[in-house]
Amino acid sequence: MNIQELQQSIVKEFSQFENWENKYSHLIEIGKACSIDDKYKTDQYKVRGCQSSVWMFAEMKEGKIYFYADSDAAIVRGLVALLLKVYSGRTPEEVIHTPPDFLEELGLKTHLSQTRASGLASMIKQMRLYAFALSIKNQK
C-alpha cells in the first residue's frame, strides 16, 4: 500500500466513529502499541515543542526509515502511533515530501488543543529532520 492509500485507509477507519469521544478512545487504543526501550527516554531523544513528553528515534534499514516513539500522555501516544503507521518503513523522500493530509481530513487539527496541535507539528518536524539527516548519512 502506498503512503497516500495508507492515509486514506486511516481516514476511513476513523470515519466509522460517530463522535469525537469514540474517535479519541480509538486513538488511545492505537497508542497502546507504542513503546520504546527506557534507554531512549532521555533528553537526547525528546521531541522539542511538545507539552507532553515524547521520545522518538529512527534508524535506516535497506534504504527505508523506521521510527520508534512513545509518550507519557495517552492521546499524544495515539497521535504519534498514527504518524509511525504512515511514515515508518518509508524512504526518506517519502517522509520529507508527503504531507500528513490525513490529519486534516480526520479533523484532528480542529479538535486538538493548541498545545497538542503544536506538539503534533513538532513530531512531524522531527520525523522530517531524521529523514533528512539519515538520507545524507546514507549517501556517504
N, C-alpha and C. Protein backbone atom coordinates (compact mmCIF):
# COMPACT_ATOMS: atom_id res chain seq x y z
N MET A 1 0.86 -1.18 0.00
CA MET A 1 0.00 0.00 0.00
C MET A 1 0.90 1.24 0.00
N ASN A 2 0.64 2.16 -0.93
CA ASN A 2 1.47 3.36 -0.93
C ASN A 2 1.03 4.31 0.20
N ILE A 3 1.81 5.34 0.40
CA ILE A 3 1.61 6.22 1.55
C ILE A 3 0.28 6.98 1.49
N GLN A 4 -0.15 7.37 0.29
CA GLN A 4 -1.44 8.06 0.15
C GLN A 4 -2.61 7.11 0.44
N GLU A 5 -2.49 5.88 -0.05
CA GLU A 5 -3.54 4.89 0.22
C GLU A 5 -3.63 4.59 1.71
N LEU A 6 -2.49 4.52 2.36
CA LEU A 6 -2.48 4.27 3.80
C LEU A 6 -3.16 5.41 4.56
N GLN A 7 -2.87 6.65 4.16
CA GLN A 7 -3.52 7.79 4.80
C GLN A 7 -5.04 7.71 4.63
N GLN A 8 -5.49 7.34 3.43
CA GLN A 8 -6.93 7.23 3.18
C GLN A 8 -7.56 6.09 3.98
N SER A 9 -6.81 5.02 4.20
CA SER A 9 -7.36 3.92 5.00
C SER A 9 -7.51 4.34 6.46
N ILE A 10 -6.64 5.21 6.94
CA ILE A 10 -6.77 5.73 8.31
C ILE A 10 -8.00 6.62 8.41
N VAL A 11 -8.21 7.46 7.41
CA VAL A 11 -9.39 8.33 7.38
C VAL A 11 -10.66 7.47 7.39
N LYS A 12 -10.66 6.42 6.58
CA LYS A 12 -11.82 5.53 6.52
C LYS A 12 -12.03 4.82 7.87
N GLU A 13 -10.94 4.38 8.48
CA GLU A 13 -11.01 3.71 9.79
C GLU A 13 -11.67 4.60 10.83
N PHE A 14 -11.29 5.87 10.85
CA PHE A 14 -11.85 6.80 11.84
C PHE A 14 -13.25 7.26 11.49
N SER A 15 -13.62 7.17 10.22
CA SER A 15 -14.96 7.64 9.81
C SER A 15 -16.07 6.74 10.37
N GLN A 16 -15.72 5.55 10.81
CA GLN A 16 -16.74 4.66 11.38
C GLN A 16 -17.22 5.11 12.75
N PHE A 17 -16.50 6.04 13.37
CA PHE A 17 -16.89 6.53 14.69
C PHE A 17 -17.73 7.78 14.54
N GLU A 18 -18.85 7.81 15.26
CA GLU A 18 -19.83 8.88 15.08
C GLU A 18 -19.48 10.17 15.81
N ASN A 19 -18.74 10.06 16.91
CA ASN A 19 -18.45 11.28 17.67
C ASN A 19 -16.98 11.30 18.10
N TRP A 20 -16.58 12.46 18.60
CA TRP A 20 -15.17 12.64 18.94
C TRP A 20 -14.76 11.86 20.18
N GLU A 21 -15.68 11.59 21.04
CA GLU A 21 -15.35 10.77 22.22
C GLU A 21 -14.89 9.39 21.77
N ASN A 22 -15.61 8.80 20.82
CA ASN A 22 -15.23 7.49 20.29
C ASN A 22 -13.94 7.55 19.47
N LYS A 23 -13.75 8.64 18.74
CA LYS A 23 -12.51 8.79 17.96
C LYS A 23 -11.31 8.89 18.90
N TYR A 24 -11.46 9.66 19.98
CA TYR A 24 -10.37 9.76 20.96
C TYR A 24 -10.10 8.41 21.62
N SER A 25 -11.14 7.67 21.93
CA SER A 25 -10.97 6.33 22.51
C SER A 25 -10.19 5.42 21.57
N HIS A 26 -10.52 5.50 20.28
CA HIS A 26 -9.80 4.70 19.28
C HIS A 26 -8.34 5.15 19.18
N LEU A 27 -8.13 6.44 19.21
CA LEU A 27 -6.78 6.99 19.16
C LEU A 27 -5.95 6.49 20.34
N ILE A 28 -6.53 6.49 21.52
CA ILE A 28 -5.85 6.00 22.72
C ILE A 28 -5.54 4.51 22.57
N GLU A 29 -6.48 3.76 22.02
CA GLU A 29 -6.26 2.32 21.80
C GLU A 29 -5.10 2.08 20.84
N ILE A 30 -5.04 2.84 19.76
CA ILE A 30 -3.95 2.72 18.78
C ILE A 30 -2.61 3.01 19.46
N GLY A 31 -2.62 3.99 20.33
CA GLY A 31 -1.38 4.39 21.01
C GLY A 31 -0.80 3.34 21.92
N LYS A 32 -1.60 2.38 22.33
CA LYS A 32 -1.11 1.33 23.22
C LYS A 32 -0.02 0.47 22.57
N ALA A 33 0.06 0.52 21.25
CA ALA A 33 1.08 -0.24 20.53
C ALA A 33 2.45 0.44 20.60
N CYS A 34 2.49 1.70 20.99
CA CYS A 34 3.75 2.44 21.06
C CYS A 34 4.51 2.12 22.34
N SER A 35 5.74 1.81 22.17
CA SER A 35 6.63 1.70 23.33
C SER A 35 8.06 1.66 22.81
N ILE A 36 8.94 2.19 23.60
CA ILE A 36 10.36 2.12 23.28
C ILE A 36 11.10 1.75 24.56
N ASP A 37 12.29 1.26 24.37
CA ASP A 37 13.14 0.90 25.49
C ASP A 37 13.44 2.15 26.32
N ASP A 38 13.51 1.99 27.62
CA ASP A 38 13.77 3.12 28.51
C ASP A 38 15.08 3.84 28.19
N LYS A 39 16.02 3.16 27.56
CA LYS A 39 17.30 3.82 27.23
C LYS A 39 17.09 4.97 26.24
N TYR A 40 15.96 4.98 25.54
CA TYR A 40 15.66 6.08 24.60
C TYR A 40 14.82 7.18 25.24
N LYS A 41 14.42 6.98 26.45
CA LYS A 41 13.61 8.00 27.13
C LYS A 41 14.54 8.97 27.87
N THR A 42 15.33 9.66 27.06
CA THR A 42 16.29 10.64 27.57
C THR A 42 16.12 11.94 26.81
N ASP A 43 16.75 12.99 27.28
CA ASP A 43 16.67 14.30 26.62
C ASP A 43 17.15 14.25 25.18
N GLN A 44 18.11 13.37 24.90
CA GLN A 44 18.65 13.26 23.55
C GLN A 44 17.56 12.91 22.53
N TYR A 45 16.58 12.13 22.94
CA TYR A 45 15.53 11.66 22.03
C TYR A 45 14.19 12.36 22.23
N LYS A 46 14.16 13.32 23.13
CA LYS A 46 12.92 14.02 23.43
C LYS A 46 12.58 14.99 22.29
N VAL A 47 11.33 14.99 21.88
CA VAL A 47 10.86 15.90 20.83
C VAL A 47 10.60 17.26 21.46
N ARG A 48 11.28 18.26 20.99
CA ARG A 48 11.11 19.62 21.49
C ARG A 48 9.82 20.22 20.95
N GLY A 49 9.13 20.97 21.77
CA GLY A 49 7.91 21.63 21.33
C GLY A 49 6.64 20.89 21.73
N CYS A 50 6.81 19.79 22.44
CA CYS A 50 5.65 19.03 22.92
C CYS A 50 5.46 19.30 24.41
N GLN A 51 4.25 19.60 24.81
CA GLN A 51 3.97 19.82 26.23
C GLN A 51 4.13 18.50 26.99
N SER A 52 3.63 17.43 26.42
CA SER A 52 3.82 16.10 26.99
C SER A 52 5.22 15.63 26.61
N SER A 53 5.71 14.64 27.31
CA SER A 53 6.99 14.06 26.93
C SER A 53 6.78 13.10 25.77
N VAL A 54 7.54 13.32 24.71
CA VAL A 54 7.52 12.45 23.55
C VAL A 54 8.98 12.14 23.22
N TRP A 55 9.27 10.86 23.09
CA TRP A 55 10.62 10.44 22.73
C TRP A 55 10.54 9.74 21.39
N MET A 56 11.52 10.04 20.53
CA MET A 56 11.50 9.47 19.19
C MET A 56 12.92 9.22 18.71
N PHE A 57 13.11 8.11 18.04
CA PHE A 57 14.37 7.88 17.34
C PHE A 57 14.06 7.13 16.05
N ALA A 58 15.05 7.12 15.18
CA ALA A 58 14.86 6.49 13.87
C ALA A 58 16.14 5.81 13.45
N GLU A 59 15.97 4.83 12.60
CA GLU A 59 17.13 4.16 12.02
C GLU A 59 16.82 3.83 10.57
N MET A 60 17.89 3.71 9.79
CA MET A 60 17.76 3.41 8.38
C MET A 60 18.11 1.94 8.17
N LYS A 61 17.22 1.23 7.47
CA LYS A 61 17.47 -0.17 7.11
C LYS A 61 17.10 -0.34 5.65
N GLU A 62 18.06 -0.75 4.86
CA GLU A 62 17.83 -1.04 3.45
C GLU A 62 17.11 0.10 2.72
N GLY A 63 17.55 1.33 2.98
CA GLY A 63 17.01 2.49 2.29
C GLY A 63 15.70 3.03 2.82
N LYS A 64 15.21 2.45 3.90
CA LYS A 64 13.95 2.93 4.49
C LYS A 64 14.17 3.32 5.94
N ILE A 65 13.37 4.28 6.38
CA ILE A 65 13.49 4.77 7.75
C ILE A 65 12.44 4.10 8.62
N TYR A 66 12.88 3.68 9.77
CA TYR A 66 11.98 3.08 10.76
C TYR A 66 12.00 3.96 12.00
N PHE A 67 10.83 4.43 12.36
CA PHE A 67 10.67 5.31 13.51
C PHE A 67 10.16 4.53 14.71
N TYR A 68 10.59 4.96 15.88
CA TYR A 68 10.15 4.38 17.14
C TYR A 68 9.86 5.55 18.07
N ALA A 69 8.77 5.47 18.81
CA ALA A 69 8.40 6.60 19.66
C ALA A 69 7.48 6.16 20.78
N ASP A 70 7.36 7.03 21.76
CA ASP A 70 6.45 6.82 22.87
C ASP A 70 6.17 8.18 23.50
N SER A 71 5.14 8.23 24.31
CA SER A 71 4.77 9.45 25.03
C SER A 71 4.23 9.06 26.40
N ASP A 72 4.27 10.03 27.30
CA ASP A 72 3.71 9.79 28.63
C ASP A 72 2.23 10.17 28.70
N ALA A 73 1.65 10.63 27.58
CA ALA A 73 0.24 11.02 27.54
C ALA A 73 -0.50 10.15 26.53
N ALA A 74 -1.65 9.63 26.91
CA ALA A 74 -2.38 8.65 26.11
C ALA A 74 -2.78 9.17 24.72
N ILE A 75 -3.35 10.35 24.65
CA ILE A 75 -3.79 10.87 23.34
C ILE A 75 -2.58 11.19 22.46
N VAL A 76 -1.56 11.75 23.06
CA VAL A 76 -0.35 12.06 22.30
C VAL A 76 0.30 10.77 21.80
N ARG A 77 0.30 9.74 22.61
CA ARG A 77 0.83 8.44 22.19
C ARG A 77 0.04 7.93 20.98
N GLY A 78 -1.26 8.15 20.97
CA GLY A 78 -2.08 7.78 19.82
C GLY A 78 -1.73 8.57 18.58
N LEU A 79 -1.50 9.86 18.75
CA LEU A 79 -1.11 10.70 17.62
C LEU A 79 0.22 10.24 17.02
N VAL A 80 1.18 9.98 17.89
CA VAL A 80 2.48 9.54 17.39
C VAL A 80 2.37 8.16 16.75
N ALA A 81 1.49 7.31 17.27
CA ALA A 81 1.29 5.99 16.66
C ALA A 81 0.75 6.12 15.23
N LEU A 82 -0.15 7.08 15.01
CA LEU A 82 -0.65 7.32 13.65
C LEU A 82 0.48 7.76 12.72
N LEU A 83 1.32 8.66 13.21
CA LEU A 83 2.45 9.11 12.40
C LEU A 83 3.41 7.97 12.07
N LEU A 84 3.67 7.13 13.06
CA LEU A 84 4.55 5.98 12.83
C LEU A 84 3.94 5.04 11.78
N LYS A 85 2.64 4.85 11.88
CA LYS A 85 1.94 3.96 10.94
C LYS A 85 2.11 4.46 9.50
N VAL A 86 2.05 5.76 9.32
CA VAL A 86 2.14 6.35 7.98
C VAL A 86 3.58 6.43 7.48
N TYR A 87 4.51 6.87 8.33
CA TYR A 87 5.85 7.19 7.86
C TYR A 87 6.92 6.14 8.12
N SER A 88 6.74 5.26 9.06
CA SER A 88 7.76 4.25 9.32
C SER A 88 7.80 3.23 8.20
N GLY A 89 9.00 2.87 7.79
CA GLY A 89 9.15 1.91 6.69
C GLY A 89 9.10 2.55 5.32
N ARG A 90 9.22 3.86 5.27
CA ARG A 90 9.20 4.62 4.01
C ARG A 90 10.59 5.15 3.70
N THR A 91 10.77 5.60 2.47
CA THR A 91 12.04 6.20 2.09
C THR A 91 12.13 7.60 2.69
N PRO A 92 13.35 8.12 2.83
CA PRO A 92 13.47 9.50 3.33
C PRO A 92 12.69 10.50 2.48
N GLU A 93 12.71 10.31 1.17
CA GLU A 93 12.00 11.23 0.27
C GLU A 93 10.50 11.23 0.55
N GLU A 94 9.93 10.05 0.80
CA GLU A 94 8.50 9.97 1.12
C GLU A 94 8.19 10.69 2.42
N VAL A 95 9.04 10.52 3.40
CA VAL A 95 8.82 11.17 4.71
C VAL A 95 8.91 12.68 4.56
N ILE A 96 9.90 13.13 3.84
CA ILE A 96 10.13 14.58 3.69
C ILE A 96 9.05 15.24 2.84
N HIS A 97 8.64 14.57 1.76
CA HIS A 97 7.78 15.21 0.77
C HIS A 97 6.30 14.85 0.83
N THR A 98 5.90 13.99 1.75
CA THR A 98 4.48 13.63 1.83
C THR A 98 3.86 14.30 3.05
N PRO A 99 3.01 15.29 2.81
CA PRO A 99 2.37 15.94 3.95
C PRO A 99 1.35 15.02 4.61
N PRO A 100 1.14 15.18 5.91
CA PRO A 100 0.17 14.35 6.63
C PRO A 100 -1.25 14.85 6.42
N ASP A 101 -1.71 14.78 5.17
CA ASP A 101 -3.05 15.28 4.81
C ASP A 101 -4.16 14.59 5.60
N PHE A 102 -3.93 13.36 6.00
CA PHE A 102 -4.96 12.61 6.71
C PHE A 102 -5.34 13.28 8.03
N LEU A 103 -4.42 14.02 8.64
CA LEU A 103 -4.72 14.70 9.90
C LEU A 103 -5.81 15.76 9.71
N GLU A 104 -5.71 16.47 8.61
CA GLU A 104 -6.72 17.47 8.26
C GLU A 104 -8.07 16.80 7.95
N GLU A 105 -8.00 15.72 7.19
CA GLU A 105 -9.23 15.01 6.82
C GLU A 105 -9.92 14.38 8.03
N LEU A 106 -9.13 13.95 9.00
CA LEU A 106 -9.71 13.39 10.22
C LEU A 106 -10.36 14.46 11.08
N GLY A 107 -9.97 15.70 10.86
CA GLY A 107 -10.47 16.80 11.68
C GLY A 107 -9.69 16.97 12.97
N LEU A 108 -8.55 16.30 13.06
CA LEU A 108 -7.76 16.38 14.29
C LEU A 108 -7.26 17.79 14.57
N LYS A 109 -6.89 18.48 13.52
CA LYS A 109 -6.34 19.82 13.74
C LYS A 109 -7.34 20.76 14.40
N THR A 110 -8.62 20.55 14.13
CA THR A 110 -9.63 21.43 14.73
C THR A 110 -10.13 20.91 16.07
N HIS A 111 -9.84 19.64 16.38
CA HIS A 111 -10.30 19.06 17.63
C HIS A 111 -9.20 18.87 18.67
N LEU A 112 -8.00 19.31 18.34
CA LEU A 112 -6.90 19.24 19.31
C LEU A 112 -6.72 20.59 19.96
N SER A 113 -6.29 20.58 21.20
CA SER A 113 -5.95 21.84 21.85
C SER A 113 -4.76 22.45 21.12
N GLN A 114 -4.55 23.72 21.33
CA GLN A 114 -3.43 24.41 20.67
C GLN A 114 -2.09 23.77 21.04
N THR A 115 -1.94 23.37 22.30
CA THR A 115 -0.67 22.78 22.72
C THR A 115 -0.46 21.40 22.07
N ARG A 116 -1.53 20.61 21.96
CA ARG A 116 -1.40 19.30 21.29
C ARG A 116 -1.13 19.47 19.80
N ALA A 117 -1.80 20.42 19.17
CA ALA A 117 -1.58 20.68 17.74
C ALA A 117 -0.14 21.13 17.50
N SER A 118 0.38 21.96 18.38
CA SER A 118 1.76 22.41 18.28
C SER A 118 2.72 21.24 18.47
N GLY A 119 2.41 20.37 19.43
CA GLY A 119 3.23 19.18 19.66
C GLY A 119 3.20 18.24 18.47
N LEU A 120 2.04 18.10 17.84
CA LEU A 120 1.91 17.26 16.66
C LEU A 120 2.79 17.79 15.53
N ALA A 121 2.77 19.10 15.34
CA ALA A 121 3.63 19.72 14.33
C ALA A 121 5.10 19.48 14.64
N SER A 122 5.45 19.51 15.92
CA SER A 122 6.84 19.25 16.32
C SER A 122 7.24 17.81 16.03
N MET A 123 6.33 16.87 16.23
CA MET A 123 6.63 15.46 15.93
C MET A 123 6.86 15.26 14.44
N ILE A 124 6.03 15.89 13.62
CA ILE A 124 6.19 15.79 12.16
C ILE A 124 7.52 16.40 11.75
N LYS A 125 7.83 17.54 12.30
CA LYS A 125 9.10 18.20 12.00
C LYS A 125 10.28 17.31 12.39
N GLN A 126 10.21 16.67 13.54
CA GLN A 126 11.28 15.79 14.00
C GLN A 126 11.46 14.60 13.05
N MET A 127 10.36 14.05 12.58
CA MET A 127 10.44 12.93 11.64
C MET A 127 11.11 13.36 10.34
N ARG A 128 10.79 14.54 9.88
CA ARG A 128 11.40 15.04 8.64
C ARG A 128 12.88 15.33 8.85
N LEU A 129 13.24 15.83 10.02
CA LEU A 129 14.65 16.07 10.32
C LEU A 129 15.43 14.75 10.35
N TYR A 130 14.87 13.74 10.98
CA TYR A 130 15.50 12.42 10.97
C TYR A 130 15.67 11.93 9.53
N ALA A 131 14.63 12.06 8.73
CA ALA A 131 14.67 11.60 7.34
C ALA A 131 15.77 12.32 6.57
N PHE A 132 15.86 13.62 6.75
CA PHE A 132 16.88 14.41 6.04
C PHE A 132 18.27 13.98 6.49
N ALA A 133 18.48 13.89 7.80
CA ALA A 133 19.80 13.52 8.34
C ALA A 133 20.20 12.11 7.92
N LEU A 134 19.27 11.17 8.00
CA LEU A 134 19.60 9.79 7.64
C LEU A 134 19.83 9.63 6.15
N SER A 135 19.14 10.41 5.34
CA SER A 135 19.36 10.32 3.88
C SER A 135 20.75 10.84 3.53
N ILE A 136 21.19 11.89 4.20
CA ILE A 136 22.54 12.42 3.95
C ILE A 136 23.59 11.42 4.43
N LYS A 137 23.37 10.90 5.62
CA LYS A 137 24.31 9.91 6.18
C LYS A 137 24.39 8.67 5.30
N ASN A 138 23.28 8.26 4.73
CA ASN A 138 23.22 7.07 3.88
C ASN A 138 23.92 7.29 2.54
N GLN A 139 24.05 8.56 2.09
CA GLN A 139 24.69 8.86 0.82
C GLN A 139 26.22 8.83 0.91
N LYS A 140 26.73 8.90 2.12
CA LYS A 140 28.19 8.94 2.29
C LYS A 140 28.82 7.59 2.07
